[in-house]
Amino acid sequence: QKIAHELLEKNLYVFMHSDTGGVRMAE
């Protein structure tokens, strides 16, 4: 959440893909 908000505060889009050990950022 912190990384996503930092990116949004920079006016960037956040595109999310794939998983790390079955865990996904969007989830």
mmCIF file of all heavy atoms, coordinates in Angstrom:
data_MODEL
# 
_entry.id   MODEL 
# 
loop_
_atom_site.group_PDB 
_atom_site.id 
_atom_site.type_symbol 
_atom_site.label_atom_id 
_atom_site.label_alt_id 
_atom_site.label_comp_id 
_atom_site.label_asym_id 
_atom_site.label_entity_id 
_atom_site.label_seq_id 
_atom_site.pdbx_PDB_ins_code 
_atom_site.Cartn_x 
_atom_site.Cartn_y 
_atom_site.Cartn_z 
_atom_site.occupancy 
_atom_site.B_iso_or_equiv 
_atom_site.pdbx_formal_charge 
_atom_site.auth_seq_id 
_atom_site.auth_comp_id 
_atom_site.auth_asym_id 
_atom_site.auth_atom_id 
_atom_site.pdbx_PDB_model_num 
ATOM 1   N N   . GLN A 1 1  ? 0.832  -1.213  0.000   1.00 0.00 ? 1  GLN A N   1 
ATOM 2   C CA  . GLN A 1 1  ? 0.000  0.000   0.000   1.00 0.00 ? 1  GLN A CA  1 
ATOM 3   C C   . GLN A 1 1  ? 0.864  1.260   0.000   1.00 0.00 ? 1  GLN A C   1 
ATOM 4   O O   . GLN A 1 1  ? 0.580  2.221   -0.723  1.00 0.00 ? 1  GLN A O   1 
ATOM 5   C CB  . GLN A 1 1  ? -0.925 0.001   1.216   1.00 0.00 ? 1  GLN A CB  1 
ATOM 6   C CG  . GLN A 1 1  ? -1.886 1.186   1.246   1.00 0.00 ? 1  GLN A CG  1 
ATOM 7   C CD  . GLN A 1 1  ? -2.794 1.163   2.458   1.00 0.00 ? 1  GLN A CD  1 
ATOM 8   O OE1 . GLN A 1 1  ? -2.363 0.811   3.563   1.00 0.00 ? 1  GLN A OE1 1 
ATOM 9   N NE2 . GLN A 1 1  ? -4.055 1.522   2.272   1.00 0.00 ? 1  GLN A NE2 1 
ATOM 10  N N   . LYS A 1 2  ? 1.933  1.247   0.794   1.00 0.00 ? 2  LYS A N   1 
ATOM 11  C CA  . LYS A 1 2  ? 2.807  2.423   0.867   1.00 0.00 ? 2  LYS A CA  1 
ATOM 12  C C   . LYS A 1 2  ? 3.459  2.705   -0.486  1.00 0.00 ? 2  LYS A C   1 
ATOM 13  O O   . LYS A 1 2  ? 3.507  3.854   -0.953  1.00 0.00 ? 2  LYS A O   1 
ATOM 14  C CB  . LYS A 1 2  ? 3.881  2.208   1.939   1.00 0.00 ? 2  LYS A CB  1 
ATOM 15  C CG  . LYS A 1 2  ? 4.776  3.420   2.169   1.00 0.00 ? 2  LYS A CG  1 
ATOM 16  C CD  . LYS A 1 2  ? 5.764  3.168   3.301   1.00 0.00 ? 2  LYS A CD  1 
ATOM 17  C CE  . LYS A 1 2  ? 6.596  4.405   3.600   1.00 0.00 ? 2  LYS A CE  1 
ATOM 18  N NZ  . LYS A 1 2  ? 7.391  4.860   2.441   1.00 0.00 ? 2  LYS A NZ  1 
ATOM 19  N N   . ILE A 1 3  ? 3.936  1.666   -1.157  1.00 0.00 ? 3  ILE A N   1 
ATOM 20  C CA  . ILE A 1 3  ? 4.574  1.848   -2.458  1.00 0.00 ? 3  ILE A CA  1 
ATOM 21  C C   . ILE A 1 3  ? 3.554  2.325   -3.486  1.00 0.00 ? 3  ILE A C   1 
ATOM 22  O O   . ILE A 1 3  ? 3.819  3.237   -4.288  1.00 0.00 ? 3  ILE A O   1 
ATOM 23  C CB  . ILE A 1 3  ? 5.257  0.538   -2.911  1.00 0.00 ? 3  ILE A CB  1 
ATOM 24  C CG1 . ILE A 1 3  ? 6.508  0.287   -2.049  1.00 0.00 ? 3  ILE A CG1 1 
ATOM 25  C CG2 . ILE A 1 3  ? 5.623  0.589   -4.390  1.00 0.00 ? 3  ILE A CG2 1 
ATOM 26  C CD1 . ILE A 1 3  ? 7.175  -1.039  -2.298  1.00 0.00 ? 3  ILE A CD1 1 
ATOM 27  N N   . ALA A 1 4  ? 2.361  1.730   -3.460  1.00 0.00 ? 4  ALA A N   1 
ATOM 28  C CA  . ALA A 1 4  ? 1.308  2.139   -4.400  1.00 0.00 ? 4  ALA A CA  1 
ATOM 29  C C   . ALA A 1 4  ? 0.963  3.612   -4.215  1.00 0.00 ? 4  ALA A C   1 
ATOM 30  O O   . ALA A 1 4  ? 0.837  4.365   -5.190  1.00 0.00 ? 4  ALA A O   1 
ATOM 31  C CB  . ALA A 1 4  ? 0.073  1.268   -4.221  1.00 0.00 ? 4  ALA A CB  1 
ATOM 32  N N   . HIS A 1 5  ? 0.825  4.047   -2.968  1.00 0.00 ? 5  HIS A N   1 
ATOM 33  C CA  . HIS A 1 5  ? 0.475  5.445   -2.709  1.00 0.00 ? 5  HIS A CA  1 
ATOM 34  C C   . HIS A 1 5  ? 1.605  6.398   -3.103  1.00 0.00 ? 5  HIS A C   1 
ATOM 35  O O   . HIS A 1 5  ? 1.350  7.502   -3.602  1.00 0.00 ? 5  HIS A O   1 
ATOM 36  C CB  . HIS A 1 5  ? 0.096  5.619   -1.241  1.00 0.00 ? 5  HIS A CB  1 
ATOM 37  C CG  . HIS A 1 5  ? -1.290 5.147   -0.938  1.00 0.00 ? 5  HIS A CG  1 
ATOM 38  N ND1 . HIS A 1 5  ? -1.830 5.142   0.319   1.00 0.00 ? 5  HIS A ND1 1 
ATOM 39  C CD2 . HIS A 1 5  ? -2.264 4.674   -1.748  1.00 0.00 ? 5  HIS A CD2 1 
ATOM 40  C CE1 . HIS A 1 5  ? -3.065 4.683   0.274   1.00 0.00 ? 5  HIS A CE1 1 
ATOM 41  N NE2 . HIS A 1 5  ? -3.342 4.385   -0.968  1.00 0.00 ? 5  HIS A NE2 1 
ATOM 42  N N   . GLU A 1 6  ? 2.838  5.979   -2.873  1.00 0.00 ? 6  GLU A N   1 
ATOM 43  C CA  . GLU A 1 6  ? 3.962  6.817   -3.303  1.00 0.00 ? 6  GLU A CA  1 
ATOM 44  C C   . GLU A 1 6  ? 3.948  7.013   -4.812  1.00 0.00 ? 6  GLU A C   1 
ATOM 45  O O   . GLU A 1 6  ? 4.189  8.109   -5.318  1.00 0.00 ? 6  GLU A O   1 
ATOM 46  C CB  . GLU A 1 6  ? 5.287  6.170   -2.892  1.00 0.00 ? 6  GLU A CB  1 
ATOM 47  C CG  . GLU A 1 6  ? 5.698  6.440   -1.464  1.00 0.00 ? 6  GLU A CG  1 
ATOM 48  C CD  . GLU A 1 6  ? 7.124  5.980   -1.216  1.00 0.00 ? 6  GLU A CD  1 
ATOM 49  O OE1 . GLU A 1 6  ? 8.053  6.569   -1.796  1.00 0.00 ? 6  GLU A OE1 1 
ATOM 50  O OE2 . GLU A 1 6  ? 7.306  5.011   -0.455  1.00 0.00 ? 6  GLU A OE2 1 
ATOM 51  N N   . LEU A 1 7  ? 3.650  5.944   -5.539  1.00 0.00 ? 7  LEU A N   1 
ATOM 52  C CA  . LEU A 1 7  ? 3.591  6.029   -6.998  1.00 0.00 ? 7  LEU A CA  1 
ATOM 53  C C   . LEU A 1 7  ? 2.450  6.938   -7.446  1.00 0.00 ? 7  LEU A C   1 
ATOM 54  O O   . LEU A 1 7  ? 2.596  7.746   -8.366  1.00 0.00 ? 7  LEU A O   1 
ATOM 55  C CB  . LEU A 1 7  ? 3.426  4.624   -7.600  1.00 0.00 ? 7  LEU A CB  1 
ATOM 56  C CG  . LEU A 1 7  ? 4.644  3.698   -7.441  1.00 0.00 ? 7  LEU A CG  1 
ATOM 57  C CD1 . LEU A 1 7  ? 4.262  2.263   -7.751  1.00 0.00 ? 7  LEU A CD1 1 
ATOM 58  C CD2 . LEU A 1 7  ? 5.791  4.146   -8.346  1.00 0.00 ? 7  LEU A CD2 1 
ATOM 59  N N   . LEU A 1 8  ? 1.302  6.805   -6.785  1.00 0.00 ? 8  LEU A N   1 
ATOM 60  C CA  . LEU A 1 8  ? 0.154  7.643   -7.139  1.00 0.00 ? 8  LEU A CA  1 
ATOM 61  C C   . LEU A 1 8  ? 0.440  9.114   -6.851  1.00 0.00 ? 8  LEU A C   1 
ATOM 62  O O   . LEU A 1 8  ? 0.026  9.997   -7.609  1.00 0.00 ? 8  LEU A O   1 
ATOM 63  C CB  . LEU A 1 8  ? -1.089 7.194   -6.371  1.00 0.00 ? 8  LEU A CB  1 
ATOM 64  C CG  . LEU A 1 8  ? -1.665 5.815   -6.735  1.00 0.00 ? 8  LEU A CG  1 
ATOM 65  C CD1 . LEU A 1 8  ? -2.874 5.502   -5.876  1.00 0.00 ? 8  LEU A CD1 1 
ATOM 66  C CD2 . LEU A 1 8  ? -2.038 5.750   -8.213  1.00 0.00 ? 8  LEU A CD2 1 
ATOM 67  N N   . GLU A 1 9  ? 1.129  9.378   -5.759  1.00 0.00 ? 9  GLU A N   1 
ATOM 68  C CA  . GLU A 1 9  ? 1.465  10.762  -5.418  1.00 0.00 ? 9  GLU A CA  1 
ATOM 69  C C   . GLU A 1 9  ? 2.409  11.382  -6.446  1.00 0.00 ? 9  GLU A C   1 
ATOM 70  O O   . GLU A 1 9  ? 2.480  12.609  -6.566  1.00 0.00 ? 9  GLU A O   1 
ATOM 71  C CB  . GLU A 1 9  ? 2.097  10.826  -4.016  1.00 0.00 ? 9  GLU A CB  1 
ATOM 72  C CG  . GLU A 1 9  ? 1.071  10.612  -2.904  1.00 0.00 ? 9  GLU A CG  1 
ATOM 73  C CD  . GLU A 1 9  ? 1.702  10.602  -1.529  1.00 0.00 ? 9  GLU A CD  1 
ATOM 74  O OE1 . GLU A 1 9  ? 2.920  10.338  -1.427  1.00 0.00 ? 9  GLU A OE1 1 
ATOM 75  O OE2 . GLU A 1 9  ? 0.984  10.853  -0.552  1.00 0.00 ? 9  GLU A OE2 1 
ATOM 76  N N   . LYS A 1 10 ? 3.099  10.535  -7.201  1.00 0.00 ? 10 LYS A N   1 
ATOM 77  C CA  . LYS A 1 10 ? 3.962  11.022  -8.289  1.00 0.00 ? 10 LYS A CA  1 
ATOM 78  C C   . LYS A 1 10 ? 3.181  11.086  -9.602  1.00 0.00 ? 10 LYS A C   1 
ATOM 79  O O   . LYS A 1 10 ? 3.758  11.309  -10.666 1.00 0.00 ? 10 LYS A O   1 
ATOM 80  C CB  . LYS A 1 10 ? 5.178  10.106  -8.473  1.00 0.00 ? 10 LYS A CB  1 
ATOM 81  C CG  . LYS A 1 10 ? 5.982  9.830   -7.208  1.00 0.00 ? 10 LYS A CG  1 
ATOM 82  C CD  . LYS A 1 10 ? 6.619  11.079  -6.644  1.00 0.00 ? 10 LYS A CD  1 
ATOM 83  C CE  . LYS A 1 10 ? 7.515  10.731  -5.450  1.00 0.00 ? 10 LYS A CE  1 
ATOM 84  N NZ  . LYS A 1 10 ? 8.065  11.922  -4.801  1.00 0.00 ? 10 LYS A NZ  1 
ATOM 85  N N   . ASN A 1 11 ? 1.859  10.871  -9.536  1.00 0.00 ? 11 ASN A N   1 
ATOM 86  C CA  . ASN A 1 11 ? 0.954  10.934  -10.694 1.00 0.00 ? 11 ASN A CA  1 
ATOM 87  C C   . ASN A 1 11 ? 1.148  9.776   -11.669 1.00 0.00 ? 11 ASN A C   1 
ATOM 88  O O   . ASN A 1 11 ? 0.704  9.840   -12.827 1.00 0.00 ? 11 ASN A O   1 
ATOM 89  C CB  . ASN A 1 11 ? 1.096  12.257  -11.453 1.00 0.00 ? 11 ASN A CB  1 
ATOM 90  C CG  . ASN A 1 11 ? 0.728  13.441  -10.594 1.00 0.00 ? 11 ASN A CG  1 
ATOM 91  O OD1 . ASN A 1 11 ? -0.001 13.309  -9.621  1.00 0.00 ? 11 ASN A OD1 1 
ATOM 92  N ND2 . ASN A 1 11 ? 1.237  14.608  -10.935 1.00 0.00 ? 11 ASN A ND2 1 
ATOM 93  N N   . LEU A 1 12 ? 1.791  8.708   -11.241 1.00 0.00 ? 12 LEU A N   1 
ATOM 94  C CA  . LEU A 1 12 ? 2.037  7.554   -12.104 1.00 0.00 ? 12 LEU A CA  1 
ATOM 95  C C   . LEU A 1 12 ? 0.891  6.549   -12.022 1.00 0.00 ? 12 LEU A C   1 
ATOM 96  O O   . LEU A 1 12 ? 0.216  6.440   -11.001 1.00 0.00 ? 12 LEU A O   1 
ATOM 97  C CB  . LEU A 1 12 ? 3.336  6.856   -11.694 1.00 0.00 ? 12 LEU A CB  1 
ATOM 98  C CG  . LEU A 1 12 ? 4.613  7.698   -11.820 1.00 0.00 ? 12 LEU A CG  1 
ATOM 99  C CD1 . LEU A 1 12 ? 5.733  7.058   -11.021 1.00 0.00 ? 12 LEU A CD1 1 
ATOM 100 C CD2 . LEU A 1 12 ? 5.010  7.852   -13.270 1.00 0.00 ? 12 LEU A CD2 1 
ATOM 101 N N   . TYR A 1 13 ? 0.700  5.800   -13.105 1.00 0.00 ? 13 TYR A N   1 
ATOM 102 C CA  . TYR A 1 13 ? -0.197 4.649   -13.065 1.00 0.00 ? 13 TYR A CA  1 
ATOM 103 C C   . TYR A 1 13 ? 0.561  3.460   -12.473 1.00 0.00 ? 13 TYR A C   1 
ATOM 104 O O   . TYR A 1 13 ? 1.793  3.367   -12.614 1.00 0.00 ? 13 TYR A O   1 
ATOM 105 C CB  . TYR A 1 13 ? -0.686 4.298   -14.466 1.00 0.00 ? 13 TYR A CB  1 
ATOM 106 C CG  . TYR A 1 13 ? -1.884 5.107   -14.908 1.00 0.00 ? 13 TYR A CG  1 
ATOM 107 C CD1 . TYR A 1 13 ? -1.739 6.404   -15.395 1.00 0.00 ? 13 TYR A CD1 1 
ATOM 108 C CD2 . TYR A 1 13 ? -3.174 4.581   -14.828 1.00 0.00 ? 13 TYR A CD2 1 
ATOM 109 C CE1 . TYR A 1 13 ? -2.839 7.151   -15.793 1.00 0.00 ? 13 TYR A CE1 1 
ATOM 110 C CE2 . TYR A 1 13 ? -4.280 5.318   -15.229 1.00 0.00 ? 13 TYR A CE2 1 
ATOM 111 C CZ  . TYR A 1 13 ? -4.110 6.605   -15.710 1.00 0.00 ? 13 TYR A CZ  1 
ATOM 112 O OH  . TYR A 1 13 ? -5.203 7.335   -16.088 1.00 0.00 ? 13 TYR A OH  1 
ATOM 113 N N   . VAL A 1 14 ? -0.176 2.559   -11.839 1.00 0.00 ? 14 VAL A N   1 
ATOM 114 C CA  . VAL A 1 14 ? 0.425  1.364   -11.252 1.00 0.00 ? 14 VAL A CA  1 
ATOM 115 C C   . VAL A 1 14 ? -0.200 0.150   -11.930 1.00 0.00 ? 14 VAL A C   1 
ATOM 116 O O   . VAL A 1 14 ? -1.379 -0.146  -11.730 1.00 0.00 ? 14 VAL A O   1 
ATOM 117 C CB  . VAL A 1 14 ? 0.192  1.308   -9.727  1.00 0.00 ? 14 VAL A CB  1 
ATOM 118 C CG1 . VAL A 1 14 ? 0.899  0.086   -9.129  1.00 0.00 ? 14 VAL A CG1 1 
ATOM 119 C CG2 . VAL A 1 14 ? 0.674  2.592   -9.054  1.00 0.00 ? 14 VAL A CG2 1 
ATOM 120 N N   . PHE A 1 15 ? 0.580  -0.542  -12.769 1.00 0.00 ? 15 PHE A N   1 
ATOM 121 C CA  . PHE A 1 15 ? 0.117  -1.724  -13.481 1.00 0.00 ? 15 PHE A CA  1 
ATOM 122 C C   . PHE A 1 15 ? 0.650  -2.955  -12.744 1.00 0.00 ? 15 PHE A C   1 
ATOM 123 O O   . PHE A 1 15 ? 1.855  -3.080  -12.533 1.00 0.00 ? 15 PHE A O   1 
ATOM 124 C CB  . PHE A 1 15 ? 0.628  -1.723  -14.917 1.00 0.00 ? 15 PHE A CB  1 
ATOM 125 C CG  . PHE A 1 15 ? 0.104  -0.580  -15.766 1.00 0.00 ? 15 PHE A CG  1 
ATOM 126 C CD1 . PHE A 1 15 ? 0.817  -0.143  -16.872 1.00 0.00 ? 15 PHE A CD1 1 
ATOM 127 C CD2 . PHE A 1 15 ? -1.092 0.040   -15.465 1.00 0.00 ? 15 PHE A CD2 1 
ATOM 128 C CE1 . PHE A 1 15 ? 0.344  0.894   -17.669 1.00 0.00 ? 15 PHE A CE1 1 
ATOM 129 C CE2 . PHE A 1 15 ? -1.585 1.080   -16.252 1.00 0.00 ? 15 PHE A CE2 1 
ATOM 130 C CZ  . PHE A 1 15 ? -0.866 1.513   -17.360 1.00 0.00 ? 15 PHE A CZ  1 
ATOM 131 N N   . MET A 1 16 ? -0.235 -3.879  -12.372 1.00 0.00 ? 16 MET A N   1 
ATOM 132 C CA  . MET A 1 16 ? 0.161  -5.003  -11.515 1.00 0.00 ? 16 MET A CA  1 
ATOM 133 C C   . MET A 1 16 ? 0.005  -6.341  -12.233 1.00 0.00 ? 16 MET A C   1 
ATOM 134 O O   . MET A 1 16 ? -1.019 -6.599  -12.878 1.00 0.00 ? 16 MET A O   1 
ATOM 135 C CB  . MET A 1 16 ? -0.665 -4.972  -10.225 1.00 0.00 ? 16 MET A CB  1 
ATOM 136 C CG  . MET A 1 16 ? -0.326 -3.773  -9.351  1.00 0.00 ? 16 MET A CG  1 
ATOM 137 S SD  . MET A 1 16 ? -1.419 -3.539  -7.926  1.00 0.00 ? 16 MET A SD  1 
ATOM 138 C CE  . MET A 1 16 ? -2.797 -2.708  -8.716  1.00 0.00 ? 16 MET A CE  1 
ATOM 139 N N   . HIS A 1 17 ? 1.030  -7.190  -12.068 1.00 0.00 ? 17 HIS A N   1 
ATOM 140 C CA  . HIS A 1 17 ? 1.099  -8.464  -12.776 1.00 0.00 ? 17 HIS A CA  1 
ATOM 141 C C   . HIS A 1 17 ? 1.765  -9.523  -11.887 1.00 0.00 ? 17 HIS A C   1 
ATOM 142 O O   . HIS A 1 17 ? 2.510  -9.204  -10.974 1.00 0.00 ? 17 HIS A O   1 
ATOM 143 C CB  . HIS A 1 17 ? 1.946  -8.352  -14.050 1.00 0.00 ? 17 HIS A CB  1 
ATOM 144 C CG  . HIS A 1 17 ? 1.798  -7.066  -14.792 1.00 0.00 ? 17 HIS A CG  1 
ATOM 145 N ND1 . HIS A 1 17 ? 0.959  -6.915  -15.851 1.00 0.00 ? 17 HIS A ND1 1 
ATOM 146 C CD2 . HIS A 1 17 ? 2.394  -5.854  -14.624 1.00 0.00 ? 17 HIS A CD2 1 
ATOM 147 C CE1 . HIS A 1 17 ? 1.035  -5.676  -16.318 1.00 0.00 ? 17 HIS A CE1 1 
ATOM 148 N NE2 . HIS A 1 17 ? 1.897  -5.010  -15.590 1.00 0.00 ? 17 HIS A NE2 1 
ATOM 149 N N   . SER A 1 18 ? 1.506  -10.801 -12.221 1.00 0.00 ? 18 SER A N   1 
ATOM 150 C CA  . SER A 1 18 ? 2.241  -11.943 -11.691 1.00 0.00 ? 18 SER A CA  1 
ATOM 151 C C   . SER A 1 18 ? 2.121  -12.082 -10.166 1.00 0.00 ? 18 SER A C   1 
ATOM 152 O O   . SER A 1 18 ? 1.301  -11.401 -9.524  1.00 0.00 ? 18 SER A O   1 
ATOM 153 C CB  . SER A 1 18 ? 3.713  -11.862 -12.115 1.00 0.00 ? 18 SER A CB  1 
ATOM 154 O OG  . SER A 1 18 ? 4.332  -13.118 -11.987 1.00 0.00 ? 18 SER A OG  1 
ATOM 155 N N   . ASP A 1 19 ? 2.921  -12.960 -9.586  1.00 0.00 ? 19 ASP A N   1 
ATOM 156 C CA  . ASP A 1 19 ? 2.865  -13.229 -8.146  1.00 0.00 ? 19 ASP A CA  1 
ATOM 157 C C   . ASP A 1 19 ? 4.251  -13.539 -7.617  1.00 0.00 ? 19 ASP A C   1 
ATOM 158 O O   . ASP A 1 19 ? 5.175  -13.850 -8.369  1.00 0.00 ? 19 ASP A O   1 
ATOM 159 C CB  . ASP A 1 19 ? 1.931  -14.415 -7.867  1.00 0.00 ? 19 ASP A CB  1 
ATOM 160 C CG  . ASP A 1 19 ? 2.519  -15.725 -8.378  1.00 0.00 ? 19 ASP A CG  1 
ATOM 161 O OD1 . ASP A 1 19 ? 2.432  -15.988 -9.602  1.00 0.00 ? 19 ASP A OD1 1 
ATOM 162 O OD2 . ASP A 1 19 ? 3.078  -16.483 -7.563  1.00 0.00 ? 19 ASP A OD2 1 
ATOM 163 N N   . THR A 1 20 ? 4.378  -13.437 -6.322  1.00 0.00 ? 20 THR A N   1 
ATOM 164 C CA  . THR A 1 20 ? 5.592  -13.858 -5.624  1.00 0.00 ? 20 THR A CA  1 
ATOM 165 C C   . THR A 1 20 ? 5.179  -14.926 -4.618  1.00 0.00 ? 20 THR A C   1 
ATOM 166 O O   . THR A 1 20 ? 4.503  -14.625 -3.628  1.00 0.00 ? 20 THR A O   1 
ATOM 167 C CB  . THR A 1 20 ? 6.256  -12.682 -4.889  1.00 0.00 ? 20 THR A CB  1 
ATOM 168 O OG1 . THR A 1 20 ? 6.579  -11.657 -5.837  1.00 0.00 ? 20 THR A OG1 1 
ATOM 169 C CG2 . THR A 1 20 ? 7.518  -13.131 -4.166  1.00 0.00 ? 20 THR A CG2 1 
ATOM 170 N N   . GLY A 1 21 ? 5.526  -16.159 -4.926  1.00 0.00 ? 21 GLY A N   1 
ATOM 171 C CA  . GLY A 1 21 ? 5.136  -17.253 -4.043  1.00 0.00 ? 21 GLY A CA  1 
ATOM 172 C C   . GLY A 1 21 ? 3.630  -17.358 -3.869  1.00 0.00 ? 21 GLY A C   1 
ATOM 173 O O   . GLY A 1 21 ? 3.151  -17.683 -2.773  1.00 0.00 ? 21 GLY A O   1 
ATOM 174 N N   . GLY A 1 22 ? 2.872  -17.083 -4.921  1.00 0.00 ? 22 GLY A N   1 
ATOM 175 C CA  . GLY A 1 22 ? 1.415  -17.161 -4.859  1.00 0.00 ? 22 GLY A CA  1 
ATOM 176 C C   . GLY A 1 22 ? 0.737  -15.913 -4.331  1.00 0.00 ? 22 GLY A C   1 
ATOM 177 O O   . GLY A 1 22 ? -0.499 -15.847 -4.265  1.00 0.00 ? 22 GLY A O   1 
ATOM 178 N N   . VAL A 1 23 ? 1.518  -14.900 -3.937  1.00 0.00 ? 23 VAL A N   1 
ATOM 179 C CA  . VAL A 1 23 ? 0.948  -13.651 -3.408  1.00 0.00 ? 23 VAL A CA  1 
ATOM 180 C C   . VAL A 1 23 ? 1.010  -12.579 -4.496  1.00 0.00 ? 23 VAL A C   1 
ATOM 181 O O   . VAL A 1 23 ? 2.049  -12.413 -5.146  1.00 0.00 ? 23 VAL A O   1 
ATOM 182 C CB  . VAL A 1 23 ? 1.712  -13.176 -2.155  1.00 0.00 ? 23 VAL A CB  1 
ATOM 183 C CG1 . VAL A 1 23 ? 1.126  -11.867 -1.638  1.00 0.00 ? 23 VAL A CG1 1 
ATOM 184 C CG2 . VAL A 1 23 ? 1.682  -14.251 -1.075  1.00 0.00 ? 23 VAL A CG2 1 
ATOM 185 N N   . ARG A 1 24 ? -0.098 -11.862 -4.678  1.00 0.00 ? 24 ARG A N   1 
ATOM 186 C CA  . ARG A 1 24 ? -0.166 -10.844 -5.726  1.00 0.00 ? 24 ARG A CA  1 
ATOM 187 C C   . ARG A 1 24 ? -0.443 -9.477  -5.111  1.00 0.00 ? 24 ARG A C   1 
ATOM 188 O O   . ARG A 1 24 ? -1.254 -9.338  -4.197  1.00 0.00 ? 24 ARG A O   1 
ATOM 189 C CB  . ARG A 1 24 ? -1.248 -11.198 -6.743  1.00 0.00 ? 24 ARG A CB  1 
ATOM 190 C CG  . ARG A 1 24 ? -0.956 -12.514 -7.468  1.00 0.00 ? 24 ARG A CG  1 
ATOM 191 C CD  . ARG A 1 24 ? -2.029 -12.886 -8.471  1.00 0.00 ? 24 ARG A CD  1 
ATOM 192 N NE  . ARG A 1 24 ? -1.625 -14.040 -9.254  1.00 0.00 ? 24 ARG A NE  1 
ATOM 193 C CZ  . ARG A 1 24 ? -1.874 -15.319 -8.915  1.00 0.00 ? 24 ARG A CZ  1 
ATOM 194 N NH1 . ARG A 1 24 ? -2.535 -15.576 -7.787  1.00 0.00 ? 24 ARG A NH1 1 
ATOM 195 N NH2 . ARG A 1 24 ? -1.466 -16.303 -9.684  1.00 0.00 ? 24 ARG A NH2 1 
ATOM 196 N N   . MET A 1 25 ? 0.217  -8.465  -5.643  1.00 0.00 ? 25 MET A N   1 
ATOM 197 C CA  . MET A 1 25 ? 0.123  -7.114  -5.095  1.00 0.00 ? 25 MET A CA  1 
ATOM 198 C C   . MET A 1 25 ? -1.311 -6.586  -5.135  1.00 0.00 ? 25 MET A C   1 
ATOM 199 O O   . MET A 1 25 ? -1.786 -5.966  -4.180  1.00 0.00 ? 25 MET A O   1 
ATOM 200 C CB  . MET A 1 25 ? 1.056  -6.181  -5.861  1.00 0.00 ? 25 MET A CB  1 
ATOM 201 C CG  . MET A 1 25 ? 1.099  -4.753  -5.325  1.00 0.00 ? 25 MET A CG  1 
ATOM 202 S SD  . MET A 1 25 ? 2.362  -3.779  -6.172  1.00 0.00 ? 25 MET A SD  1 
ATOM 203 C CE  . MET A 1 25 ? 2.102  -2.171  -5.417  1.00 0.00 ? 25 MET A CE  1 
ATOM 204 N N   . ALA A 1 26 ? -2.010 -6.830  -6.231  1.00 0.00 ? 26 ALA A N   1 
ATOM 205 C CA  . ALA A 1 26 ? -3.388 -6.341  -6.350  1.00 0.00 ? 26 ALA A CA  1 
ATOM 206 C C   . ALA A 1 26 ? -4.273 -6.942  -5.261  1.00 0.00 ? 26 ALA A C   1 
ATOM 207 O O   . ALA A 1 26 ? -5.130 -6.258  -4.682  1.00 0.00 ? 26 ALA A O   1 
ATOM 208 C CB  . ALA A 1 26 ? -3.948 -6.670  -7.731  1.00 0.00 ? 26 ALA A CB  1 
ATOM 209 N N   . GLU A 1 27 ? -4.061 -8.202  -4.972  1.00 0.00 ? 27 GLU A N   1 
ATOM 210 C CA  . GLU A 1 27 ? -4.854 -8.859  -3.929  1.00 0.00 ? 27 GLU A CA  1 
ATOM 211 C C   . GLU A 1 27 ? -4.486 -8.321  -2.543  1.00 0.00 ? 27 GLU A C   1 
ATOM 212 O O   . GLU A 1 27 ? -5.351 -8.227  -1.662  1.00 0.00 ? 27 GLU A O   1 
ATOM 213 C CB  . GLU A 1 27 ? -4.650 -10.371 -4.019  1.00 0.00 ? 27 GLU A CB  1 
ATOM 214 C CG  . GLU A 1 27 ? -5.243 -10.960 -5.293  1.00 0.00 ? 27 GLU A CG  1 
ATOM 215 C CD  . GLU A 1 27 ? -4.844 -12.404 -5.549  1.00 0.00 ? 27 GLU A CD  1 
ATOM 216 O OE1 . GLU A 1 27 ? -3.804 -12.849 -4.996  1.00 0.00 ? 27 GLU A OE1 1 
ATOM 217 O OE2 . GLU A 1 27 ? -5.538 -13.091 -6.306  1.00 0.00 ? 27 GLU A OE2 1 
# 
